[in-house]
Amino acid sequence: MLELQHLFKTFNPGTPDAKLALNDLSFAVHDGDFVTIIGANGAGKSTLMNLLGGLTQTQQGSMLLAGQPVGKQLGKIGYLRQEPDLMLLADTVREELCWKNHTITQEELQQLLEHMNLEEYADDFPLALSKGQRLRVVLGAMLAKKPALLLLDEPTTGQDEQSLAEIRRLLLAYKEQGGSIFICTHDMELAAQVADRVIVLCAGQIIADGTTEEVLSNKELVEAGGLTPSA
């Protein structure tokens, strides 16, 4: 459902400060896949996420979603960025979950509030909630639009154990309903618990792409990606 071919991305091209952030990336994501991309800071993870989310453009290569250019399919992609608070725009949680979504019914809205564990906060100002609750509001607004592909950039940063458990539950439920998920994270535990497949990115290149067990059980490979193997 998602196919990337020979992606290149250079920042400040043609200048002494030019930096090759992505170097000939190619891979595919199938319907129902839960893919995690891991790598050290500067590996190119967020650059890749911003390309998929339509925030930046590649200099070379193609990105197709269901056979069409990603740029024409952005309405089918939900992108949770590293700063989810910047995505909160409404005055209440209820309004936020319906933001620019004219197809959701009141019954679906109520079910979503319950599913996201936000029912008692439905009429509260979203930015007044805890960090974990705010993230669930943004994630809920995305799920309400039923995207074909869900992108999440470091969704567990700064979350407590309860919020982490909620995030895992919500993502697995979305996958069970047929959604495809693509996450970049430093959280090895999250990757081990929820992903079907792990891609390791290092200096803008893929150095491994395999099942979660194959990749995360390889200590040398994980360390080559600049990460600390989980205990």
C-alpha atoms as a PDB file:
ATOM      1  CA  MET A   1       0.000   0.000   0.000  1.00  0.00           C
ATOM      2  CA  LEU A   2       3.033   2.258   0.413  1.00  0.00           C
ATOM      3  CA  GLU A   3       6.009   2.008  -1.945  1.00  0.00           C
ATOM      4  CA  LEU A   4       9.168   4.118  -1.791  1.00  0.00           C
ATOM      5  CA  GLN A   5      11.760   3.931  -4.543  1.00  0.00           C
ATOM      6  CA  HIS A   6      15.251   5.485  -4.476  1.00  0.00           C
ATOM      7  CA  LEU A   7      14.525   8.429  -2.168  1.00  0.00           C
ATOM      8  CA  PHE A   8      17.180  11.104  -1.773  1.00  0.00           C
ATOM      9  CA  LYS A   9      16.952  14.169   0.443  1.00  0.00           C
ATOM     10  CA  THR A  10      19.694  16.767   0.826  1.00  0.00           C
ATOM     11  CA  PHE A  11      19.480  19.811   3.063  1.00  0.00           C
ATOM     12  CA  ASN A  12      21.070  23.051   1.811  1.00  0.00           C
ATOM     13  CA  PRO A  13      21.963  21.547  -1.583  1.00  0.00           C
ATOM     14  CA  GLY A  14      24.667  23.328  -3.550  1.00  0.00           C
ATOM     15  CA  THR A  15      26.165  24.996  -0.471  1.00  0.00           C
ATOM     16  CA  PRO A  16      29.161  24.195   1.764  1.00  0.00           C
ATOM     17  CA  ASP A  17      26.629  23.167   4.437  1.00  0.00           C
ATOM     18  CA  ALA A  18      24.930  20.566   2.218  1.00  0.00           C
ATOM     19  CA  LYS A  19      23.940  17.425   4.128  1.00  0.00           C
ATOM     20  CA  LEU A  20      22.681  14.183   2.588  1.00  0.00           C
ATOM     21  CA  ALA A  21      19.897  13.161   4.963  1.00  0.00           C
ATOM     22  CA  LEU A  22      18.418  10.239   2.992  1.00  0.00           C
ATOM     23  CA  ASN A  23      20.536   8.198   0.620  1.00  0.00           C
ATOM     24  CA  ASP A  24      18.734   5.958  -1.895  1.00  0.00           C
ATOM     25  CA  LEU A  25      15.946   4.610   0.357  1.00  0.00           C
ATOM     26  CA  SER A  26      13.626   1.952  -1.043  1.00  0.00           C
ATOM     27  CA  PHE A  27      11.080  -0.187   0.814  1.00  0.00           C
ATOM     28  CA  ALA A  28       7.381  -1.074   0.877  1.00  0.00           C
ATOM     29  CA  VAL A  29       4.641  -1.253   3.518  1.00  0.00           C
ATOM     30  CA  HIS A  30       1.700  -3.614   3.010  1.00  0.00           C
ATOM     31  CA  ASP A  31      -1.898  -3.365   4.214  1.00  0.00           C
ATOM     32  CA  GLY A  32      -2.077  -4.110   7.926  1.00  0.00           C
ATOM     33  CA  ASP A  33       1.675  -3.813   8.483  1.00  0.00           C
ATOM     34  CA  PHE A  34       3.014  -2.368  11.745  1.00  0.00           C
ATOM     35  CA  VAL A  35       6.491  -1.102  10.859  1.00  0.00           C
ATOM     36  CA  THR A  36       8.912   0.592  13.251  1.00  0.00           C
ATOM     37  CA  ILE A  37      11.929   2.532  12.044  1.00  0.00           C
ATOM     38  CA  ILE A  38      14.739   2.934  14.549  1.00  0.00           C
ATOM     39  CA  GLY A  39      18.082   4.694  14.516  1.00  0.00           C
ATOM     40  CA  ALA A  40      20.219   7.211  16.360  1.00  0.00           C
ATOM     41  CA  ASN A  41      19.658  10.966  16.306  1.00  0.00           C
ATOM     42  CA  GLY A  42      20.504  12.288  12.863  1.00  0.00           C
ATOM     43  CA  ALA A  43      19.872   8.958  11.134  1.00  0.00           C
ATOM     44  CA  GLY A  44      17.154  10.519   8.965  1.00  0.00           C
ATOM     45  CA  LYS A  45      14.024   9.186  10.696  1.00  0.00           C
ATOM     46  CA  SER A  46      12.170  12.490  11.105  1.00  0.00           C
ATOM     47  CA  THR A  47      13.243  13.580   7.630  1.00  0.00           C
ATOM     48  CA  LEU A  48      11.598  10.466   6.233  1.00  0.00           C
ATOM     49  CA  MET A  49       8.453  11.020   8.306  1.00  0.00           C
ATOM     50  CA  ASN A  50       8.154  14.625   7.097  1.00  0.00           C
ATOM     51  CA  LEU A  51       8.431  13.456   3.497  1.00  0.00           C
ATOM     52  CA  LEU A  52       5.688  10.869   3.999  1.00  0.00           C
ATOM     53  CA  GLY A  53       3.536  13.416   5.830  1.00  0.00           C
ATOM     54  CA  GLY A  54       3.824  15.917   3.002  1.00  0.00           C
ATOM     55  CA  LEU A  55       5.725  18.569   4.965  1.00  0.00           C
ATOM     56  CA  THR A  56       8.824  18.470   2.735  1.00  0.00           C
ATOM     57  CA  GLN A  57       9.691  17.283  -0.753  1.00  0.00           C
ATOM     58  CA  THR A  58      12.297  14.810  -1.954  1.00  0.00           C
ATOM     59  CA  GLN A  59      14.835  15.807  -4.601  1.00  0.00           C
ATOM     60  CA  GLN A  60      14.779  12.386  -6.225  1.00  0.00           C
ATOM     61  CA  GLY A  61      12.738   9.201  -6.024  1.00  0.00           C
ATOM     62  CA  SER A  62       9.070   8.255  -5.802  1.00  0.00           C
ATOM     63  CA  MET A  63       6.572   7.702  -2.991  1.00  0.00           C
ATOM     64  CA  LEU A  64       3.314   5.955  -3.847  1.00  0.00           C
ATOM     65  CA  LEU A  65       0.298   5.285  -1.621  1.00  0.00           C
ATOM     66  CA  ALA A  66      -2.105   2.763  -3.137  1.00  0.00           C
ATOM     67  CA  GLY A  67      -0.405   3.348  -6.481  1.00  0.00           C
ATOM     68  CA  GLN A  68      -0.792   7.139  -6.441  1.00  0.00           C
ATOM     69  CA  PRO A  69       1.793   9.821  -5.524  1.00  0.00           C
ATOM     70  CA  VAL A  70       1.771  10.438  -1.773  1.00  0.00           C
ATOM     71  CA  GLY A  71       1.325  14.167  -2.391  1.00  0.00           C
ATOM     72  CA  LYS A  72      -2.107  13.458  -3.877  1.00  0.00           C
ATOM     73  CA  GLN A  73      -3.101  11.054  -1.106  1.00  0.00           C
ATOM     74  CA  LEU A  74      -2.381  13.102   2.025  1.00  0.00           C
ATOM     75  CA  GLY A  75      -6.040  12.914   3.058  1.00  0.00           C
ATOM     76  CA  LYS A  76      -5.520   9.179   3.607  1.00  0.00           C
ATOM     77  CA  ILE A  77      -2.539   9.710   5.933  1.00  0.00           C
ATOM     78  CA  GLY A  78      -2.631  10.630   9.616  1.00  0.00           C
ATOM     79  CA  TYR A  79       0.633  12.147  10.830  1.00  0.00           C
ATOM     80  CA  LEU A  80       1.342  12.537  14.550  1.00  0.00           C
ATOM     81  CA  ARG A  81       4.383  14.791  14.778  1.00  0.00           C
ATOM     82  CA  GLN A  82       6.889  15.056  17.620  1.00  0.00           C
ATOM     83  CA  GLU A  83       5.075  18.157  18.958  1.00  0.00           C
ATOM     84  CA  PRO A  84       1.433  17.001  19.174  1.00  0.00           C
ATOM     85  CA  ASP A  85       0.429  20.061  21.217  1.00  0.00           C
ATOM     86  CA  LEU A  86       0.897  22.169  18.076  1.00  0.00           C
ATOM     87  CA  MET A  87      -1.853  20.105  16.444  1.00  0.00           C
ATOM     88  CA  LEU A  88      -4.499  20.992  19.054  1.00  0.00           C
ATOM     89  CA  LEU A  89      -6.724  23.668  17.549  1.00  0.00           C
ATOM     90  CA  ALA A  90     -10.204  23.428  19.098  1.00  0.00           C
ATOM     91  CA  ASP A  91     -11.703  24.650  22.392  1.00  0.00           C
ATOM     92  CA  THR A  92     -12.912  21.257  23.638  1.00  0.00           C
ATOM     93  CA  VAL A  93     -11.868  17.636  23.297  1.00  0.00           C
ATOM     94  CA  ARG A  94     -15.195  16.867  21.617  1.00  0.00           C
ATOM     95  CA  GLU A  95     -14.615  19.547  18.982  1.00  0.00           C
ATOM     96  CA  GLU A  96     -11.032  18.439  18.479  1.00  0.00           C
ATOM     97  CA  LEU A  97     -12.090  14.887  17.636  1.00  0.00           C
ATOM     98  CA  CYS A  98     -14.477  16.272  15.010  1.00  0.00           C
ATOM     99  CA  TRP A  99     -12.047  18.865  13.609  1.00  0.00           C
ATOM    100  CA  LYS A 100     -12.688  19.209   9.851  1.00  0.00           C
ATOM    101  CA  ASN A 101     -14.364  15.802   9.914  1.00  0.00           C
ATOM    102  CA  HIS A 102     -17.919  16.162   8.667  1.00  0.00           C
ATOM    103  CA  THR A 103     -18.584  12.447   8.305  1.00  0.00           C
ATOM    104  CA  ILE A 104     -18.320  11.363  11.945  1.00  0.00           C
ATOM    105  CA  THR A 105     -21.673  10.664  13.639  1.00  0.00           C
ATOM    106  CA  GLN A 106     -22.536  11.430  17.263  1.00  0.00           C
ATOM    107  CA  GLU A 107     -22.577   7.707  17.985  1.00  0.00           C
ATOM    108  CA  GLU A 108     -19.088   7.303  16.495  1.00  0.00           C
ATOM    109  CA  LEU A 109     -17.880  10.323  18.465  1.00  0.00           C
ATOM    110  CA  GLN A 110     -19.154   8.850  21.722  1.00  0.00           C
ATOM    111  CA  GLN A 111     -17.538   5.510  20.957  1.00  0.00           C
ATOM    112  CA  LEU A 112     -14.261   7.271  20.163  1.00  0.00           C
ATOM    113  CA  LEU A 113     -14.330   9.209  23.451  1.00  0.00           C
ATOM    114  CA  GLU A 114     -14.801   5.943  25.326  1.00  0.00           C
ATOM    115  CA  HIS A 115     -12.174   4.131  23.253  1.00  0.00           C
ATOM    116  CA  MET A 116      -9.611   6.883  23.880  1.00  0.00           C
ATOM    117  CA  ASN A 117     -10.475   6.982  27.592  1.00  0.00           C
ATOM    118  CA  LEU A 118     -11.441  10.663  27.242  1.00  0.00           C
ATOM    119  CA  GLU A 119     -15.167  10.555  27.969  1.00  0.00           C
ATOM    120  CA  GLU A 120     -14.995  12.565  31.207  1.00  0.00           C
ATOM    121  CA  TYR A 121     -12.871  15.243  29.493  1.00  0.00           C
ATOM    122  CA  ALA A 122     -15.126  15.701  26.441  1.00  0.00           C
ATOM    123  CA  ASP A 123     -15.917  19.356  27.209  1.00  0.00           C
ATOM    124  CA  ASP A 124     -12.498  20.304  28.625  1.00  0.00           C
ATOM    125  CA  PHE A 125      -9.929  22.539  26.930  1.00  0.00           C
ATOM    126  CA  PRO A 126      -7.450  20.097  25.315  1.00  0.00           C
ATOM    127  CA  LEU A 127      -4.299  22.021  26.252  1.00  0.00           C
ATOM    128  CA  ALA A 128      -5.328  21.915  29.924  1.00  0.00           C
ATOM    129  CA  LEU A 129      -5.071  18.109  29.994  1.00  0.00           C
ATOM    130  CA  SER A 130      -2.035  16.025  30.944  1.00  0.00           C
ATOM    131  CA  LYS A 131       0.603  15.270  28.317  1.00  0.00           C
ATOM    132  CA  GLY A 132      -0.611  11.705  27.863  1.00  0.00           C
ATOM    133  CA  GLN A 133      -4.219  12.846  27.523  1.00  0.00           C
ATOM    134  CA  ARG A 134      -3.282  15.528  25.004  1.00  0.00           C
ATOM    135  CA  LEU A 135      -1.490  12.973  22.863  1.00  0.00           C
ATOM    136  CA  ARG A 136      -4.555  10.716  22.949  1.00  0.00           C
ATOM    137  CA  VAL A 137      -6.736  13.616  21.822  1.00  0.00           C
ATOM    138  CA  VAL A 138      -4.532  14.219  18.773  1.00  0.00           C
ATOM    139  CA  LEU A 139      -4.339  10.504  18.034  1.00  0.00           C
ATOM    140  CA  GLY A 140      -8.114  10.227  18.425  1.00  0.00           C
ATOM    141  CA  ALA A 141      -8.705  13.060  15.947  1.00  0.00           C
ATOM    142  CA  MET A 142      -6.576  11.185  13.432  1.00  0.00           C
ATOM    143  CA  LEU A 143      -8.272   7.844  14.012  1.00  0.00           C
ATOM    144  CA  ALA A 144     -11.669   9.517  13.609  1.00  0.00           C
ATOM    145  CA  LYS A 145     -10.786  10.185   9.969  1.00  0.00           C
ATOM    146  CA  LYS A 146      -9.985   6.491   9.447  1.00  0.00           C
ATOM    147  CA  PRO A 147      -6.663   6.965   7.617  1.00  0.00           C
ATOM    148  CA  ALA A 148      -5.187   4.195   5.510  1.00  0.00           C
ATOM    149  CA  LEU A 149      -1.740   4.935   6.947  1.00  0.00           C
ATOM    150  CA  LEU A 150      -0.859   6.245  10.395  1.00  0.00           C
ATOM    151  CA  LEU A 151       2.543   7.941  10.860  1.00  0.00           C
ATOM    152  CA  LEU A 152       3.871   8.555  14.368  1.00  0.00           C
ATOM    153  CA  ASP A 153       7.132  10.340  15.145  1.00  0.00           C
ATOM    154  CA  GLU A 154       8.432   9.417  18.631  1.00  0.00           C
ATOM    155  CA  PRO A 155       4.923   8.981  20.124  1.00  0.00           C
ATOM    156  CA  THR A 156       6.133   7.753  23.532  1.00  0.00           C
ATOM    157  CA  THR A 157       8.573  10.548  24.431  1.00  0.00           C
ATOM    158  CA  GLY A 158       7.832  11.851  27.924  1.00  0.00           C
ATOM    159  CA  GLN A 159       4.887   9.508  28.529  1.00  0.00           C
ATOM    160  CA  ASP A 160       4.301   7.723  31.823  1.00  0.00           C
ATOM    161  CA  GLU A 161       3.635   3.980  32.058  1.00  0.00           C
ATOM    162  CA  GLN A 162      -0.145   4.345  32.002  1.00  0.00           C
ATOM    163  CA  SER A 163      -0.017   6.507  28.875  1.00  0.00           C
ATOM    164  CA  LEU A 164       2.383   4.074  27.223  1.00  0.00           C
ATOM    165  CA  ALA A 165      -0.025   1.226  27.870  1.00  0.00           C
ATOM    166  CA  GLU A 166      -2.899   3.281  26.398  1.00  0.00           C
ATOM    167  CA  ILE A 167      -0.864   4.098  23.286  1.00  0.00           C
ATOM    168  CA  ARG A 168       0.018   0.444  22.727  1.00  0.00           C
ATOM    169  CA  ARG A 169      -3.607  -0.592  23.157  1.00  0.00           C
ATOM    170  CA  LEU A 170      -4.893   2.047  20.714  1.00  0.00           C
ATOM    171  CA  LEU A 171      -2.331   1.267  18.043  1.00  0.00           C
ATOM    172  CA  LEU A 172      -2.947  -2.465  18.188  1.00  0.00           C
ATOM    173  CA  ALA A 173      -6.702  -1.890  17.987  1.00  0.00           C
ATOM    174  CA  TYR A 174      -6.208   0.296  14.904  1.00  0.00           C
ATOM    175  CA  LYS A 175      -4.067  -2.405  13.295  1.00  0.00           C
ATOM    176  CA  GLU A 176      -6.685  -5.063  14.047  1.00  0.00           C
ATOM    177  CA  GLN A 177      -9.188  -2.940  12.114  1.00  0.00           C
ATOM    178  CA  GLY A 178      -6.956  -3.124   9.038  1.00  0.00           C
ATOM    179  CA  GLY A 179      -4.906   0.040   9.419  1.00  0.00           C
ATOM    180  CA  SER A 180      -1.226   0.284   8.532  1.00  0.00           C
ATOM    181  CA  ILE A 181       1.173   1.940  10.981  1.00  0.00           C
ATOM    182  CA  PHE A 182       4.628   3.412  10.480  1.00  0.00           C
ATOM    183  CA  ILE A 183       6.438   4.636  13.604  1.00  0.00           C
ATOM    184  CA  CYS A 184       9.879   6.057  14.205  1.00  0.00           C
ATOM    185  CA  THR A 185      11.086   5.691  17.771  1.00  0.00           C
ATOM    186  CA  HIS A 186      14.003   5.316  20.169  1.00  0.00           C
ATOM    187  CA  ASP A 187      11.763   3.157  22.355  1.00  0.00           C
ATOM    188  CA  MET A 188      13.078  -0.360  21.875  1.00  0.00           C
ATOM    189  CA  GLU A 189      10.488  -1.789  24.247  1.00  0.00           C
ATOM    190  CA  LEU A 190       7.632  -0.321  22.225  1.00  0.00           C
ATOM    191  CA  ALA A 191       9.122  -1.690  19.005  1.00  0.00           C
ATOM    192  CA  ALA A 192       9.496  -5.137  20.567  1.00  0.00           C
ATOM    193  CA  GLN A 193       5.917  -5.165  21.879  1.00  0.00           C
ATOM    194  CA  VAL A 194       3.926  -3.905  18.906  1.00  0.00           C
ATOM    195  CA  ALA A 195       5.861  -3.995  15.619  1.00  0.00           C
ATOM    196  CA  ASP A 196       5.731  -6.773  13.027  1.00  0.00           C
ATOM    197  CA  ARG A 197       8.793  -5.433  11.278  1.00  0.00           C
ATOM    198  CA  VAL A 198      11.751  -3.183  12.097  1.00  0.00           C
ATOM    199  CA  ILE A 199      13.811  -1.025   9.744  1.00  0.00           C
ATOM    200  CA  VAL A 200      17.169   0.242  11.026  1.00  0.00           C
ATOM    201  CA  LEU A 201      18.292   3.562   9.575  1.00  0.00           C
ATOM    202  CA  CYS A 202      21.897   4.766   9.860  1.00  0.00           C
ATOM    203  CA  ALA A 203      23.278   7.931   8.235  1.00  0.00           C
ATOM    204  CA  GLY A 204      20.335   8.088   5.850  1.00  0.00           C
ATOM    205  CA  GLN A 205      20.595   4.482   4.681  1.00  0.00           C
ATOM    206  CA  ILE A 206      18.742   1.287   5.555  1.00  0.00           C
ATOM    207  CA  ILE A 207      21.163  -1.159   7.187  1.00  0.00           C
ATOM    208  CA  ALA A 208      18.527  -3.729   8.166  1.00  0.00           C
ATOM    209  CA  ASP A 209      14.904  -4.547   7.360  1.00  0.00           C
ATOM    210  CA  GLY A 210      13.353  -7.663   8.883  1.00  0.00           C
ATOM    211  CA  THR A 211      10.973  -9.120  11.405  1.00  0.00           C
ATOM    212  CA  THR A 212      11.031  -7.559  14.857  1.00  0.00           C
ATOM    213  CA  GLU A 213      12.588 -10.661  16.397  1.00  0.00           C
ATOM    214  CA  GLU A 214      15.283 -10.934  13.719  1.00  0.00           C
ATOM    215  CA  VAL A 215      16.399  -7.322  14.026  1.00  0.00           C
ATOM    216  CA  LEU A 216      16.068  -6.630  17.748  1.00  0.00           C
ATOM    217  CA  SER A 217      17.710  -9.907  18.774  1.00  0.00           C
ATOM    218  CA  ASN A 218      20.826  -8.932  16.823  1.00  0.00           C
ATOM    219  CA  LYS A 219      22.878  -6.928  19.336  1.00  0.00           C
ATOM    220  CA  GLU A 220      25.537  -5.888  16.842  1.00  0.00           C
ATOM    221  CA  LEU A 221      22.932  -4.675  14.371  1.00  0.00           C
ATOM    222  CA  VAL A 222      21.050  -2.644  16.968  1.00  0.00           C
ATOM    223  CA  GLU A 223      24.279  -1.071  18.197  1.00  0.00           C
ATOM    224  CA  ALA A 224      25.276  -0.273  14.598  1.00  0.00           C
ATOM    225  CA  GLY A 225      22.080   1.757  14.449  1.00  0.00           C
ATOM    226  CA  GLY A 226      23.313   3.792  17.411  1.00  0.00           C
ATOM    227  CA  LEU A 227      20.858   2.271  19.895  1.00  0.00           C
ATOM    228  CA  THR A 228      21.164   0.363  23.140  1.00  0.00           C
ATOM    229  CA  PRO A 229      19.772  -3.184  22.976  1.00  0.00           C
ATOM    230  CA  SER A 230      16.902  -3.846  25.368  1.00  0.00           C
ATOM    231  CA  ALA A 231      17.584  -6.068  28.345  1.00  0.00           C
END
